[in-house]
Amino acid sequence: MDDFAQLRQRLEQERAALAEQSADREDAVRPVALDQSRVGRLSRMDAMQMQAMAEAAQRRRRERLRRIAAALQRIAAGEYGACLSCEEPIAAKRLESDPALTLCIACAASGD
């Protein structure tokens, strides 16, 4: 695929958006206050559940940012678009659907 510039731009835009989302949601992952005189038990449990969901979303964002950074490094090194397992080219349509992919369809299906 000779259009890595567009894919790089998409990766950089997604990285910026994810970084912004992470910064916007920092307060959602802060510990829930233990003061039951201010917050009832059920409200606190609900807040703890929301905190756990925010932490899970934050972990997913960090993992996606890691994958994006790795893809951008592969582009810079001239190694982008090759399967990390078998070294065959990854299909252009597959990279268009997710530019951070590292495996061709055959290796992804086999679990390599």
PDB file of N, CA and C in Angstrom:
ATOM      1  N   MET A   1       0.857  -1.186   0.000  1.00  0.00           N
ATOM      2  CA  MET A   1       0.000   0.000   0.000  1.00  0.00           C
ATOM      3  C   MET A   1       0.892   1.234   0.000  1.00  0.00           C
ATOM      4  N   ASP A   2       0.657   2.124  -0.911  1.00  0.00           N
ATOM      5  CA  ASP A   2       1.510   3.305  -1.029  1.00  0.00           C
ATOM      6  C   ASP A   2       0.898   4.528  -0.349  1.00  0.00           C
ATOM      7  N   ASP A   3      -0.190   4.348   0.393  1.00  0.00           N
ATOM      8  CA  ASP A   3      -0.879   5.478   0.996  1.00  0.00           C
ATOM      9  C   ASP A   3      -0.692   5.504   2.514  1.00  0.00           C
ATOM     10  N   PHE A   4       0.506   5.222   2.985  1.00  0.00           N
ATOM     11  CA  PHE A   4       0.773   5.211   4.417  1.00  0.00           C
ATOM     12  C   PHE A   4       0.668   6.599   5.024  1.00  0.00           C
ATOM     13  N   ALA A   5       0.834   7.643   4.236  1.00  0.00           N
ATOM     14  CA  ALA A   5       0.743   9.010   4.758  1.00  0.00           C
ATOM     15  C   ALA A   5      -0.652   9.270   5.329  1.00  0.00           C
ATOM     16  N   GLN A   6      -1.683   8.824   4.621  1.00  0.00           N
ATOM     17  CA  GLN A   6      -3.051   9.000   5.113  1.00  0.00           C
ATOM     18  C   GLN A   6      -3.277   8.184   6.378  1.00  0.00           C
ATOM     19  N   LEU A   7      -2.754   6.966   6.401  1.00  0.00           N
ATOM     20  CA  LEU A   7      -2.919   6.135   7.583  1.00  0.00           C
ATOM     21  C   LEU A   7      -2.165   6.737   8.766  1.00  0.00           C
ATOM     22  N   ARG A   8      -0.983   7.274   8.524  1.00  0.00           N
ATOM     23  CA  ARG A   8      -0.223   7.924   9.587  1.00  0.00           C
ATOM     24  C   ARG A   8      -1.016   9.106  10.138  1.00  0.00           C
ATOM     25  N   GLN A   9      -1.627   9.881   9.250  1.00  0.00           N
ATOM     26  CA  GLN A   9      -2.427  11.027   9.682  1.00  0.00           C
ATOM     27  C   GLN A   9      -3.607  10.560  10.534  1.00  0.00           C
ATOM     28  N   ARG A  10      -4.278   9.492  10.127  1.00  0.00           N
ATOM     29  CA  ARG A  10      -5.392   8.947  10.911  1.00  0.00           C
ATOM     30  C   ARG A  10      -4.920   8.509  12.289  1.00  0.00           C
ATOM     31  N   LEU A  11      -3.759   7.835  12.331  1.00  0.00           N
ATOM     32  CA  LEU A  11      -3.207   7.381  13.611  1.00  0.00           C
ATOM     33  C   LEU A  11      -2.884   8.567  14.515  1.00  0.00           C
ATOM     34  N   GLU A  12      -2.282   9.597  13.960  1.00  0.00           N
ATOM     35  CA  GLU A  12      -1.933  10.776  14.757  1.00  0.00           C
ATOM     36  C   GLU A  12      -3.183  11.491  15.267  1.00  0.00           C
ATOM     37  N   GLN A  13      -4.223  11.571  14.445  1.00  0.00           N
ATOM     38  CA  GLN A  13      -5.474  12.200  14.868  1.00  0.00           C
ATOM     39  C   GLN A  13      -6.133  11.390  15.983  1.00  0.00           C
ATOM     40  N   GLU A  14      -6.136  10.068  15.838  1.00  0.00           N
ATOM     41  CA  GLU A  14      -6.729   9.222  16.865  1.00  0.00           C
ATOM     42  C   GLU A  14      -5.934   9.329  18.165  1.00  0.00           C
ATOM     43  N   ARG A  15      -4.608   9.383  18.053  1.00  0.00           N
ATOM     44  CA  ARG A  15      -3.762   9.518  19.244  1.00  0.00           C
ATOM     45  C   ARG A  15      -4.087  10.826  19.973  1.00  0.00           C
ATOM     46  N   ALA A  16      -4.241  11.903  19.242  1.00  0.00           N
ATOM     47  CA  ALA A  16      -4.571  13.192  19.858  1.00  0.00           C
ATOM     48  C   ALA A  16      -5.945  13.150  20.526  1.00  0.00           C
ATOM     49  N   ALA A  17      -6.906  12.543  19.867  1.00  0.00           N
ATOM     50  CA  ALA A  17      -8.254  12.455  20.432  1.00  0.00           C
ATOM     51  C   ALA A  17      -8.263  11.602  21.701  1.00  0.00           C
ATOM     52  N   LEU A  18      -7.549  10.488  21.684  1.00  0.00           N
ATOM     53  CA  LEU A  18      -7.495   9.626  22.869  1.00  0.00           C
ATOM     54  C   LEU A  18      -6.784  10.314  24.025  1.00  0.00           C
ATOM     55  N   ALA A  19      -5.729  11.035  23.740  1.00  0.00           N
ATOM     56  CA  ALA A  19      -5.013  11.760  24.787  1.00  0.00           C
ATOM     57  C   ALA A  19      -5.912  12.819  25.410  1.00  0.00           C
ATOM     58  N   GLU A  20      -6.696  13.491  24.580  1.00  0.00           N
ATOM     59  CA  GLU A  20      -7.635  14.499  25.083  1.00  0.00           C
ATOM     60  C   GLU A  20      -8.710  13.854  25.948  1.00  0.00           C
ATOM     61  N   GLN A  21      -9.245  12.712  25.496  1.00  0.00           N
ATOM     62  CA  GLN A  21     -10.253  12.001  26.277  1.00  0.00           C
ATOM     63  C   GLN A  21      -9.689  11.574  27.630  1.00  0.00           C
ATOM     64  N   SER A  22      -8.470  11.085  27.635  1.00  0.00           N
ATOM     65  CA  SER A  22      -7.845  10.646  28.879  1.00  0.00           C
ATOM     66  C   SER A  22      -7.717  11.808  29.852  1.00  0.00           C
ATOM     67  N   ALA A  23      -7.305  12.949  29.368  1.00  0.00           N
ATOM     68  CA  ALA A  23      -7.157  14.126  30.227  1.00  0.00           C
ATOM     69  C   ALA A  23      -8.511  14.590  30.750  1.00  0.00           C
ATOM     70  N   ASP A  24      -9.537  14.540  29.908  1.00  0.00           N
ATOM     71  CA  ASP A  24     -10.878  14.982  30.305  1.00  0.00           C
ATOM     72  C   ASP A  24     -11.494  14.082  31.371  1.00  0.00           C
ATOM     73  N   ARG A  25     -11.099  12.824  31.404  1.00  0.00           N
ATOM     74  CA  ARG A  25     -11.741  11.864  32.299  1.00  0.00           C
ATOM     75  C   ARG A  25     -10.893  11.481  33.516  1.00  0.00           C
ATOM     76  N   GLU A  26      -9.826  12.220  33.776  1.00  0.00           N
ATOM     77  CA  GLU A  26      -8.951  11.931  34.914  1.00  0.00           C
ATOM     78  C   GLU A  26      -9.712  11.921  36.231  1.00  0.00           C
ATOM     79  N   ASP A  27     -10.641  12.859  36.420  1.00  0.00           N
ATOM     80  CA  ASP A  27     -11.352  12.928  37.693  1.00  0.00           C
ATOM     81  C   ASP A  27     -12.284  11.744  37.900  1.00  0.00           C
ATOM     82  N   ALA A  28     -12.692  11.063  36.838  1.00  0.00           N
ATOM     83  CA  ALA A  28     -13.596   9.927  36.951  1.00  0.00           C
ATOM     84  C   ALA A  28     -12.925   8.709  37.572  1.00  0.00           C
ATOM     85  N   VAL A  29     -11.607   8.644  37.538  1.00  0.00           N
ATOM     86  CA  VAL A  29     -10.902   7.475  38.083  1.00  0.00           C
ATOM     87  C   VAL A  29     -10.307   7.749  39.460  1.00  0.00           C
ATOM     88  N   ARG A  30     -10.557   8.911  40.010  1.00  0.00           N
ATOM     89  CA  ARG A  30     -10.077   9.223  41.360  1.00  0.00           C
ATOM     90  C   ARG A  30     -10.832   8.367  42.367  1.00  0.00           C
ATOM     91  N   PRO A  31     -10.199   8.037  43.493  1.00  0.00           N
ATOM     92  CA  PRO A  31     -10.871   7.215  44.519  1.00  0.00           C
ATOM     93  C   PRO A  31     -12.161   7.868  45.014  1.00  0.00           C
ATOM     94  N   VAL A  32     -13.126   7.015  45.340  1.00  0.00           N
ATOM     95  CA  VAL A  32     -14.409   7.471  45.851  1.00  0.00           C
ATOM     96  C   VAL A  32     -14.254   7.774  47.340  1.00  0.00           C
ATOM     97  N   ALA A  33     -14.805   8.887  47.781  1.00  0.00           N
ATOM     98  CA  ALA A  33     -14.712   9.292  49.188  1.00  0.00           C
ATOM     99  C   ALA A  33     -15.396   8.274  50.094  1.00  0.00           C
ATOM    100  N   LEU A  34     -14.804   8.046  51.265  1.00  0.00           N
ATOM    101  CA  LEU A  34     -15.349   7.089  52.229  1.00  0.00           C
ATOM    102  C   LEU A  34     -16.339   7.717  53.201  1.00  0.00           C
ATOM    103  N   ASP A  35     -16.501   8.998  53.162  1.00  0.00           N
ATOM    104  CA  ASP A  35     -17.345   9.715  54.114  1.00  0.00           C
ATOM    105  C   ASP A  35     -18.821   9.388  53.868  1.00  0.00           C
ATOM    106  N   GLN A  36     -19.377   8.448  54.665  1.00  0.00           N
ATOM    107  CA  GLN A  36     -20.769   8.039  54.476  1.00  0.00           C
ATOM    108  C   GLN A  36     -21.758   9.059  55.022  1.00  0.00           C
ATOM    109  N   SER A  37     -21.265  10.046  55.765  1.00  0.00           N
ATOM    110  CA  SER A  37     -22.172  11.091  56.237  1.00  0.00           C
ATOM    111  C   SER A  37     -22.563  12.025  55.094  1.00  0.00           C
ATOM    112  N   ARG A  38     -21.690  12.103  54.080  1.00  0.00           N
ATOM    113  CA  ARG A  38     -21.971  12.949  52.916  1.00  0.00           C
ATOM    114  C   ARG A  38     -22.624  12.171  51.785  1.00  0.00           C
ATOM    115  N   VAL A  39     -22.238  10.907  51.643  1.00  0.00           N
ATOM    116  CA  VAL A  39     -22.724  10.090  50.529  1.00  0.00           C
ATOM    117  C   VAL A  39     -23.294   8.803  51.103  1.00  0.00           C
ATOM    118  N   GLY A  40     -24.510   8.473  50.723  1.00  0.00           N
ATOM    119  CA  GLY A  40     -25.130   7.240  51.193  1.00  0.00           C
ATOM    120  C   GLY A  40     -24.432   6.015  50.618  1.00  0.00           C
ATOM    121  N   ARG A  41     -24.694   4.847  51.239  1.00  0.00           N
ATOM    122  CA  ARG A  41     -24.030   3.613  50.832  1.00  0.00           C
ATOM    123  C   ARG A  41     -24.333   3.242  49.385  1.00  0.00           C
ATOM    124  N   LEU A  42     -25.576   3.367  48.975  1.00  0.00           N
ATOM    125  CA  LEU A  42     -25.935   3.009  47.596  1.00  0.00           C
ATOM    126  C   LEU A  42     -25.327   3.983  46.599  1.00  0.00           C
ATOM    127  N   SER A  43     -25.325   5.259  46.952  1.00  0.00           N
ATOM    128  CA  SER A  43     -24.698   6.248  46.068  1.00  0.00           C
ATOM    129  C   SER A  43     -23.208   5.985  45.946  1.00  0.00           C
ATOM    130  N   ARG A  44     -22.587   5.599  47.062  1.00  0.00           N
ATOM    131  CA  ARG A  44     -21.149   5.294  47.047  1.00  0.00           C
ATOM    132  C   ARG A  44     -20.878   4.061  46.190  1.00  0.00           C
ATOM    133  N   MET A  45     -21.739   3.035  46.317  1.00  0.00           N
ATOM    134  CA  MET A  45     -21.568   1.831  45.496  1.00  0.00           C
ATOM    135  C   MET A  45     -21.713   2.175  44.012  1.00  0.00           C
ATOM    136  N   ASP A  46     -22.674   3.027  43.698  1.00  0.00           N
ATOM    137  CA  ASP A  46     -22.862   3.460  42.313  1.00  0.00           C
ATOM    138  C   ASP A  46     -21.631   4.229  41.842  1.00  0.00           C
ATOM    139  N   ALA A  47     -21.093   5.098  42.690  1.00  0.00           N
ATOM    140  CA  ALA A  47     -19.891   5.858  42.336  1.00  0.00           C
ATOM    141  C   ALA A  47     -18.700   4.931  42.129  1.00  0.00           C
ATOM    142  N   MET A  48     -18.602   3.884  42.967  1.00  0.00           N
ATOM    143  CA  MET A  48     -17.498   2.927  42.821  1.00  0.00           C
ATOM    144  C   MET A  48     -17.625   2.152  41.507  1.00  0.00           C
ATOM    145  N   GLN A  49     -18.850   1.798  41.133  1.00  0.00           N
ATOM    146  CA  GLN A  49     -19.066   1.097  39.871  1.00  0.00           C
ATOM    147  C   GLN A  49     -18.703   2.000  38.696  1.00  0.00           C
ATOM    148  N   MET A  50     -19.089   3.261  38.771  1.00  0.00           N
ATOM    149  CA  MET A  50     -18.752   4.208  37.711  1.00  0.00           C
ATOM    150  C   MET A  50     -17.229   4.393  37.634  1.00  0.00           C
ATOM    151  N   GLN A  51     -16.586   4.427  38.794  1.00  0.00           N
ATOM    152  CA  GLN A  51     -15.127   4.554  38.829  1.00  0.00           C
ATOM    153  C   GLN A  51     -14.478   3.341  38.159  1.00  0.00           C
ATOM    154  N   ALA A  52     -14.959   2.138  38.462  1.00  0.00           N
ATOM    155  CA  ALA A  52     -14.400   0.924  37.859  1.00  0.00           C
ATOM    156  C   ALA A  52     -14.585   0.937  36.346  1.00  0.00           C
ATOM    157  N   MET A  53     -15.737   1.393  35.884  1.00  0.00           N
ATOM    158  CA  MET A  53     -15.969   1.476  34.442  1.00  0.00           C
ATOM    159  C   MET A  53     -15.042   2.505  33.807  1.00  0.00           C
ATOM    160  N   ALA A  54     -14.824   3.632  34.486  1.00  0.00           N
ATOM    161  CA  ALA A  54     -13.922   4.661  33.969  1.00  0.00           C
ATOM    162  C   ALA A  54     -12.487   4.142  33.923  1.00  0.00           C
ATOM    163  N   GLU A  55     -12.090   3.374  34.942  1.00  0.00           N
ATOM    164  CA  GLU A  55     -10.740   2.799  34.947  1.00  0.00           C
ATOM    165  C   GLU A  55     -10.555   1.815  33.797  1.00  0.00           C
ATOM    166  N   ALA A  56     -11.576   0.992  33.520  1.00  0.00           N
ATOM    167  CA  ALA A  56     -11.499   0.043  32.412  1.00  0.00           C
ATOM    168  C   ALA A  56     -11.387   0.785  31.081  1.00  0.00           C
ATOM    169  N   ALA A  57     -12.159   1.843  30.932  1.00  0.00           N
ATOM    170  CA  ALA A  57     -12.085   2.634  29.702  1.00  0.00           C
ATOM    171  C   ALA A  57     -10.712   3.281  29.568  1.00  0.00           C
ATOM    172  N   GLN A  58     -10.161   3.748  30.675  1.00  0.00           N
ATOM    173  CA  GLN A  58      -8.834   4.363  30.662  1.00  0.00           C
ATOM    174  C   GLN A  58      -7.776   3.332  30.256  1.00  0.00           C
ATOM    175  N   ARG A  59      -7.892   2.103  30.758  1.00  0.00           N
ATOM    176  CA  ARG A  59      -6.946   1.031  30.367  1.00  0.00           C
ATOM    177  C   ARG A  59      -7.031   0.752  28.873  1.00  0.00           C
ATOM    178  N   ARG A  60      -8.260   0.713  28.342  1.00  0.00           N
ATOM    179  CA  ARG A  60      -8.429   0.479  26.898  1.00  0.00           C
ATOM    180  C   ARG A  60      -7.818   1.612  26.092  1.00  0.00           C
ATOM    181  N   ARG A  61      -8.008   2.858  26.549  1.00  0.00           N
ATOM    182  CA  ARG A  61      -7.402   3.998  25.852  1.00  0.00           C
ATOM    183  C   ARG A  61      -5.883   3.915  25.883  1.00  0.00           C
ATOM    184  N   ARG A  62      -5.304   3.558  27.039  1.00  0.00           N
ATOM    185  CA  ARG A  62      -3.844   3.444  27.132  1.00  0.00           C
ATOM    186  C   ARG A  62      -3.313   2.345  26.207  1.00  0.00           C
ATOM    187  N   GLU A  63      -4.018   1.223  26.137  1.00  0.00           N
ATOM    188  CA  GLU A  63      -3.593   0.129  25.251  1.00  0.00           C
ATOM    189  C   GLU A  63      -3.683   0.558  23.793  1.00  0.00           C
ATOM    190  N   ARG A  64      -4.745   1.254  23.445  1.00  0.00           N
ATOM    191  CA  ARG A  64      -4.888   1.724  22.067  1.00  0.00           C
ATOM    192  C   ARG A  64      -3.793   2.746  21.744  1.00  0.00           C
ATOM    193  N   LEU A  65      -3.474   3.630  22.681  1.00  0.00           N
ATOM    194  CA  LEU A  65      -2.389   4.592  22.477  1.00  0.00           C
ATOM    195  C   LEU A  65      -1.056   3.876  22.283  1.00  0.00           C
ATOM    196  N   ARG A  66      -0.837   2.809  23.033  1.00  0.00           N
ATOM    197  CA  ARG A  66       0.395   2.027  22.879  1.00  0.00           C
ATOM    198  C   ARG A  66       0.470   1.412  21.488  1.00  0.00           C
ATOM    199  N   ARG A  67      -0.644   0.866  21.009  1.00  0.00           N
ATOM    200  CA  ARG A  67      -0.674   0.251  19.680  1.00  0.00           C
ATOM    201  C   ARG A  67      -0.478   1.294  18.579  1.00  0.00           C
ATOM    202  N   ILE A  68      -1.058   2.478  18.762  1.00  0.00           N
ATOM    203  CA  ILE A  68      -0.890   3.561  17.795  1.00  0.00           C
ATOM    204  C   ILE A  68       0.560   4.007  17.750  1.00  0.00           C
ATOM    205  N   ALA A  69       1.179   4.178  18.918  1.00  0.00           N
ATOM    206  CA  ALA A  69       2.588   4.592  18.972  1.00  0.00           C
ATOM    207  C   ALA A  69       3.475   3.566  18.275  1.00  0.00           C
ATOM    208  N   ALA A  70       3.189   2.286  18.471  1.00  0.00           N
ATOM    209  CA  ALA A  70       3.979   1.236  17.822  1.00  0.00           C
ATOM    210  C   ALA A  70       3.807   1.289  16.301  1.00  0.00           C
ATOM    211  N   ALA A  71       2.589   1.537  15.840  1.00  0.00           N
ATOM    212  CA  ALA A  71       2.344   1.640  14.396  1.00  0.00           C
ATOM    213  C   ALA A  71       3.085   2.835  13.813  1.00  0.00           C
ATOM    214  N   LEU A  72       3.059   3.957  14.512  1.00  0.00           N
ATOM    215  CA  LEU A  72       3.775   5.146  14.035  1.00  0.00           C
ATOM    216  C   LEU A  72       5.286   4.901  14.001  1.00  0.00           C
ATOM    217  N   GLN A  73       5.801   4.147  14.958  1.00  0.00           N
ATOM    218  CA  GLN A  73       7.225   3.793  14.940  1.00  0.00           C
ATOM    219  C   GLN A  73       7.549   2.900  13.750  1.00  0.00           C
ATOM    220  N   ARG A  74       6.635   1.952  13.442  1.00  0.00           N
ATOM    221  CA  ARG A  74       6.866   1.077  12.284  1.00  0.00           C
ATOM    222  C   ARG A  74       6.846   1.876  10.988  1.00  0.00           C
ATOM    223  N   ILE A  75       5.964   2.869  10.901  1.00  0.00           N
ATOM    224  CA  ILE A  75       5.921   3.726   9.712  1.00  0.00           C
ATOM    225  C   ILE A  75       7.242   4.468   9.578  1.00  0.00           C
ATOM    226  N   ALA A  76       7.714   5.065  10.670  1.00  0.00           N
ATOM    227  CA  ALA A  76       8.966   5.829  10.655  1.00  0.00           C
ATOM    228  C   ALA A  76      10.160   4.950  10.288  1.00  0.00           C
ATOM    229  N   ALA A  77      10.120   3.687  10.711  1.00  0.00           N
ATOM    230  CA  ALA A  77      11.226   2.773  10.442  1.00  0.00           C
ATOM    231  C   ALA A  77      11.109   2.104   9.073  1.00  0.00           C
ATOM    232  N   GLY A  78      10.012   2.354   8.363  1.00  0.00           N
ATOM    233  CA  GLY A  78       9.819   1.727   7.060  1.00  0.00           C
ATOM    234  C   GLY A  78       9.404   0.269   7.142  1.00  0.00           C
ATOM    235  N   GLU A  79       8.878  -0.134   8.291  1.00  0.00           N
ATOM    236  CA  GLU A  79       8.485  -1.533   8.514  1.00  0.00           C
ATOM    237  C   GLU A  79       6.969  -1.703   8.571  1.00  0.00           C
ATOM    238  N   TYR A  80       6.238  -0.644   8.322  1.00  0.00           N
ATOM    239  CA  TYR A  80       4.782  -0.674   8.444  1.00  0.00           C
ATOM    240  C   TYR A  80       4.160  -1.468   7.304  1.00  0.00           C
ATOM    241  N   GLY A  81       3.084  -2.179   7.630  1.00  0.00           N
ATOM    242  CA  GLY A  81       2.328  -2.900   6.621  1.00  0.00           C
ATOM    243  C   GLY A  81       2.728  -4.353   6.483  1.00  0.00           C
ATOM    244  N   ALA A  82       3.782  -4.770   7.181  1.00  0.00           N
ATOM    245  CA  ALA A  82       4.211  -6.166   7.149  1.00  0.00           C
ATOM    246  C   ALA A  82       3.743  -6.853   8.425  1.00  0.00           C
ATOM    247  N   CYS A  83       3.250  -8.058   8.289  1.00  0.00           N
ATOM    248  CA  CYS A  83       2.797  -8.856   9.426  1.00  0.00           C
ATOM    249  C   CYS A  83       3.981  -9.103  10.364  1.00  0.00           C
ATOM    250  N   LEU A  84       3.789  -8.887  11.645  1.00  0.00           N
ATOM    251  CA  LEU A  84       4.868  -9.098  12.608  1.00  0.00           C
ATOM    252  C   LEU A  84       5.160 -10.573  12.843  1.00  0.00           C
ATOM    253  N   SER A  85       4.259 -11.439  12.406  1.00  0.00           N
ATOM    254  CA  SER A  85       4.469 -12.874  12.597  1.00  0.00           C
ATOM    255  C   SER A  85       5.115 -13.533  11.378  1.00  0.00           C
ATOM    256  N   CYS A  86       4.491 -13.368  10.215  1.00  0.00           N
ATOM    257  CA  CYS A  86       4.991 -14.059   9.014  1.00  0.00           C
ATOM    258  C   CYS A  86       5.743 -13.131   8.058  1.00  0.00           C
ATOM    259  N   GLU A  87       5.703 -11.824   8.328  1.00  0.00           N
ATOM    260  CA  GLU A  87       6.373 -10.799   7.530  1.00  0.00           C
ATOM    261  C   GLU A  87       5.783 -10.602   6.135  1.00  0.00           C
ATOM    262  N   GLU A  88       4.636 -11.215   5.860  1.00  0.00           N
ATOM    263  CA  GLU A  88       3.924 -10.983   4.606  1.00  0.00           C
ATOM    264  C   GLU A  88       3.181  -9.649   4.711  1.00  0.00           C
ATOM    265  N   PRO A  89       2.874  -9.014   3.572  1.00  0.00           N
ATOM    266  CA  PRO A  89       2.131  -7.746   3.625  1.00  0.00           C
ATOM    267  C   PRO A  89       0.732  -7.945   4.212  1.00  0.00           C
ATOM    268  N   ILE A  90       0.320  -6.985   5.024  1.00  0.00           N
ATOM    269  CA  ILE A  90      -1.050  -6.976   5.544  1.00  0.00           C
ATOM    270  C   ILE A  90      -1.923  -6.322   4.477  1.00  0.00           C
ATOM    271  N   ALA A  91      -3.084  -6.905   4.215  1.00  0.00           N
ATOM    272  CA  ALA A  91      -3.984  -6.394   3.178  1.00  0.00           C
ATOM    273  C   ALA A  91      -4.332  -4.930   3.433  1.00  0.00           C
ATOM    274  N   ALA A  92      -4.361  -4.156   2.354  1.00  0.00           N
ATOM    275  CA  ALA A  92      -4.637  -2.721   2.446  1.00  0.00           C
ATOM    276  C   ALA A  92      -5.990  -2.457   3.108  1.00  0.00           C
ATOM    277  N   LYS A  93      -7.001  -3.231   2.763  1.00  0.00           N
ATOM    278  CA  LYS A  93      -8.339  -3.052   3.348  1.00  0.00           C
ATOM    279  C   LYS A  93      -8.300  -3.291   4.853  1.00  0.00           C
ATOM    280  N   ARG A  94      -7.487  -4.242   5.273  1.00  0.00           N
ATOM    281  CA  ARG A  94      -7.355  -4.549   6.701  1.00  0.00           C
ATOM    282  C   ARG A  94      -6.712  -3.363   7.426  1.00  0.00           C
ATOM    283  N   LEU A  95      -5.678  -2.787   6.848  1.00  0.00           N
ATOM    284  CA  LEU A  95      -5.034  -1.626   7.461  1.00  0.00           C
ATOM    285  C   LEU A  95      -5.939  -0.406   7.443  1.00  0.00           C
ATOM    286  N   GLU A  96      -6.756  -0.273   6.403  1.00  0.00           N
ATOM    287  CA  GLU A  96      -7.695   0.845   6.345  1.00  0.00           C
ATOM    288  C   GLU A  96      -8.721   0.742   7.458  1.00  0.00           C
ATOM    289  N   SER A  97      -9.132  -0.488   7.793  1.00  0.00           N
ATOM    290  CA  SER A  97     -10.128  -0.647   8.859  1.00  0.00           C
ATOM    291  C   SER A  97      -9.523  -0.361  10.226  1.00  0.00           C
ATOM    292  N   ASP A  98      -8.250  -0.723  10.417  1.00  0.00           N
ATOM    293  CA  ASP A  98      -7.547  -0.424  11.672  1.00  0.00           C
ATOM    294  C   ASP A  98      -6.070  -0.267  11.371  1.00  0.00           C
ATOM    295  N   PRO A  99      -5.590   0.961  11.242  1.00  0.00           N
ATOM    296  CA  PRO A  99      -4.189   1.195  10.867  1.00  0.00           C
ATOM    297  C   PRO A  99      -3.166   0.710  11.894  1.00  0.00           C
ATOM    298  N   ALA A 100      -3.608   0.340  13.093  1.00  0.00           N
ATOM    299  CA  ALA A 100      -2.678  -0.117  14.123  1.00  0.00           C
ATOM    300  C   ALA A 100      -2.511  -1.636  14.144  1.00  0.00           C
ATOM    301  N   LEU A 101      -3.150  -2.332  13.218  1.00  0.00           N
ATOM    302  CA  LEU A 101      -3.045  -3.795  13.196  1.00  0.00           C
ATOM    303  C   LEU A 101      -1.614  -4.235  12.929  1.00  0.00           C
ATOM    304  N   THR A 102      -1.254  -5.383  13.504  1.00  0.00           N
ATOM    305  CA  THR A 102       0.110  -5.889  13.362  1.00  0.00           C
ATOM    306  C   THR A 102       0.186  -7.235  12.661  1.00  0.00           C
ATOM    307  N   LEU A 103      -0.959  -7.880  12.464  1.00  0.00           N
ATOM    308  CA  LEU A 103      -0.962  -9.222  11.877  1.00  0.00           C
ATOM    309  C   LEU A 103      -1.825  -9.282  10.621  1.00  0.00           C
ATOM    310  N   CYS A 104      -1.401 -10.112   9.679  1.00  0.00           N
ATOM    311  CA  CYS A 104      -2.227 -10.375   8.501  1.00  0.00           C
ATOM    312  C   CYS A 104      -3.425 -11.210   8.948  1.00  0.00           C
ATOM    313  N   ILE A 105      -4.393 -11.365   8.086  1.00  0.00           N
ATOM    314  CA  ILE A 105      -5.622 -12.084   8.453  1.00  0.00           C
ATOM    315  C   ILE A 105      -5.334 -13.534   8.789  1.00  0.00           C
ATOM    316  N   ALA A 106      -4.409 -14.171   8.064  1.00  0.00           N
ATOM    317  CA  ALA A 106      -4.099 -15.585   8.317  1.00  0.00           C
ATOM    318  C   ALA A 106      -3.475 -15.766   9.701  1.00  0.00           C
ATOM    319  N   CYS A 107      -2.533 -14.921  10.047  1.00  0.00           N
ATOM    320  CA  CYS A 107      -1.874 -15.036  11.358  1.00  0.00           C
ATOM    321  C   CYS A 107      -2.826 -14.657  12.482  1.00  0.00           C
ATOM    322  N   ALA A 108      -3.678 -13.667  12.255  1.00  0.00           N
ATOM    323  CA  ALA A 108      -4.661 -13.278  13.276  1.00  0.00           C
ATOM    324  C   ALA A 108      -5.649 -14.407  13.516  1.00  0.00           C
ATOM    325  N   ALA A 109      -6.057 -15.091  12.447  1.00  0.00           N
ATOM    326  CA  ALA A 109      -7.010 -16.186  12.577  1.00  0.00           C
ATOM    327  C   ALA A 109      -6.393 -17.396  13.267  1.00  0.00           C
ATOM    328  N   SER A 110      -5.099 -17.610  13.037  1.00  0.00           N
ATOM    329  CA  SER A 110      -4.448 -18.770  13.655  1.00  0.00           C
ATOM    330  C   SER A 110      -3.980 -18.501  15.082  1.00  0.00           C
ATOM    331  N   GLY A 111      -4.056 -17.229  15.510  1.00  0.00           N
ATOM    332  CA  GLY A 111      -3.663 -16.892  16.872  1.00  0.00           C
ATOM    333  C   GLY A 111      -2.181 -16.673  17.039  1.00  0.00           C
ATOM    334  N   ASP A 112      -1.442 -16.448  15.947  1.00  0.00           N
ATOM    335  CA  ASP A 112       0.017 -16.217  16.048  1.00  0.00           C
ATOM    336  C   ASP A 112       0.337 -14.910  16.694  1.00  0.00           C
TER     337      ASP A 112
END
